[in-house]
Amino acid sequence: MRRRFAALAVSALLAGGTVAVTVPVTSATAATVTCDPAHMRQQIAQLKAKAARLKHEGEYAAAKRTLDQANSLQRKLDACLAAEDNAAKPFPR
């Protein structure tokens, strides 16, 4: 009786493990990256204006950091626009 119970327990564990392994895992959906060029350009202009104001006030280090942020945002905008232009179209002609 003990052997039967042990055999049943082991087979149940193996079957459960097999079921757990064979169940397909739902993958996370890939998030689509969209860019808002008008909003990004507005942010860039605001950062450049802030950098100019800081430079005028004598805060050169803060102005450089702000200008670096504006340049980083500009590179992201350029990359986003290039990705949209080079993306495969649904029905290329």
Protein backbone atom coordinates (compact mmCIF):
# COMPACT_ATOMS: atom_id res chain seq x y z
CA MET A 1 0.00 0.00 0.00
CA ARG A 2 2.83 2.35 0.85
CA ARG A 3 4.53 1.67 -2.46
CA ARG A 4 1.36 2.39 -4.37
CA PHE A 5 0.83 5.63 -2.51
CA ALA A 6 4.44 6.68 -3.06
CA ALA A 7 4.23 5.76 -6.73
CA LEU A 8 1.01 7.74 -7.09
CA ALA A 9 2.52 10.73 -5.31
CA VAL A 10 5.63 10.66 -7.48
CA SER A 11 3.63 10.29 -10.67
CA ALA A 12 1.34 13.13 -9.61
CA LEU A 13 4.33 15.36 -8.97
CA LEU A 14 5.87 14.45 -12.30
CA ALA A 15 2.60 15.01 -14.12
CA GLY A 16 2.11 18.34 -12.38
CA GLY A 17 5.61 19.40 -13.27
CA THR A 18 5.09 18.35 -16.86
CA VAL A 19 1.85 20.29 -17.05
CA ALA A 20 3.53 23.33 -15.58
CA VAL A 21 6.31 23.07 -18.13
CA THR A 22 4.04 22.55 -21.12
CA VAL A 23 1.63 25.39 -20.35
CA PRO A 24 2.52 28.18 -22.74
CA VAL A 25 3.62 31.36 -21.10
CA THR A 26 1.87 34.45 -22.34
CA SER A 27 4.53 36.86 -23.38
CA ALA A 28 4.27 40.50 -22.61
CA THR A 29 3.11 42.55 -25.54
CA ALA A 30 5.75 44.81 -26.94
CA ALA A 31 5.02 48.39 -26.09
CA THR A 32 4.89 50.63 -29.09
CA VAL A 33 7.02 53.70 -28.89
CA THR A 34 5.39 56.80 -30.23
CA CYS A 35 6.85 60.24 -30.33
CA ASP A 36 5.08 63.57 -30.28
CA PRO A 37 7.32 65.83 -32.39
CA ALA A 38 5.46 69.03 -31.56
CA HIS A 39 5.66 68.40 -27.82
CA MET A 40 9.31 67.36 -28.00
CA ARG A 41 10.21 70.47 -30.02
CA GLN A 42 8.41 72.61 -27.46
CA GLN A 43 10.40 70.98 -24.64
CA ILE A 44 13.65 71.53 -26.54
CA ALA A 45 12.84 75.22 -27.06
CA GLN A 46 11.97 75.63 -23.37
CA LEU A 47 15.20 73.96 -22.28
CA LYS A 48 17.28 76.11 -24.63
CA ALA A 49 15.58 79.26 -23.35
CA LYS A 50 16.25 78.15 -19.77
CA ALA A 51 19.89 77.46 -20.63
CA ALA A 52 20.25 80.92 -22.16
CA ARG A 53 18.69 82.51 -19.07
CA LEU A 54 20.98 80.55 -16.75
CA LYS A 55 24.03 81.50 -18.79
CA HIS A 56 22.99 85.15 -18.66
CA GLU A 57 22.67 84.88 -14.87
CA GLY A 58 26.17 83.44 -14.63
CA GLU A 59 25.15 79.86 -13.81
CA TYR A 60 27.38 78.29 -16.44
CA ALA A 61 27.38 74.73 -15.07
CA ALA A 62 23.60 74.64 -14.77
CA ALA A 63 23.28 76.15 -18.25
CA LYS A 64 25.54 73.44 -19.67
CA ARG A 65 23.50 70.68 -17.98
CA THR A 66 20.25 72.17 -19.30
CA LEU A 67 21.68 72.51 -22.80
CA ASP A 68 22.88 68.89 -22.62
CA GLN A 69 19.33 67.85 -21.74
CA ALA A 70 18.02 69.78 -24.76
CA ASN A 71 20.60 68.14 -27.02
CA SER A 72 19.70 64.70 -25.68
CA LEU A 73 16.03 65.33 -26.35
CA GLN A 74 16.90 66.55 -29.85
CA ARG A 75 18.79 63.31 -30.55
CA LYS A 76 15.80 61.29 -29.33
CA LEU A 77 13.50 63.29 -31.59
CA ASP A 78 15.80 62.78 -34.58
CA ALA A 79 16.00 59.04 -33.89
CA CYS A 80 12.24 58.76 -33.51
CA LEU A 81 11.57 60.62 -36.76
CA ALA A 82 14.17 58.53 -38.59
CA ALA A 83 12.59 55.34 -37.25
CA GLU A 84 9.16 56.43 -38.47
CA ASP A 85 10.54 57.32 -41.90
CA ASN A 86 12.46 54.05 -42.25
CA ALA A 87 9.76 51.79 -40.82
CA ALA A 88 8.35 49.16 -43.15
CA LYS A 89 5.13 50.32 -44.69
CA PRO A 90 2.19 47.89 -44.77
CA PHE A 91 1.99 47.88 -48.58
CA PRO A 92 5.19 49.26 -50.12
CA ARG A 93 4.97 50.32 -53.75
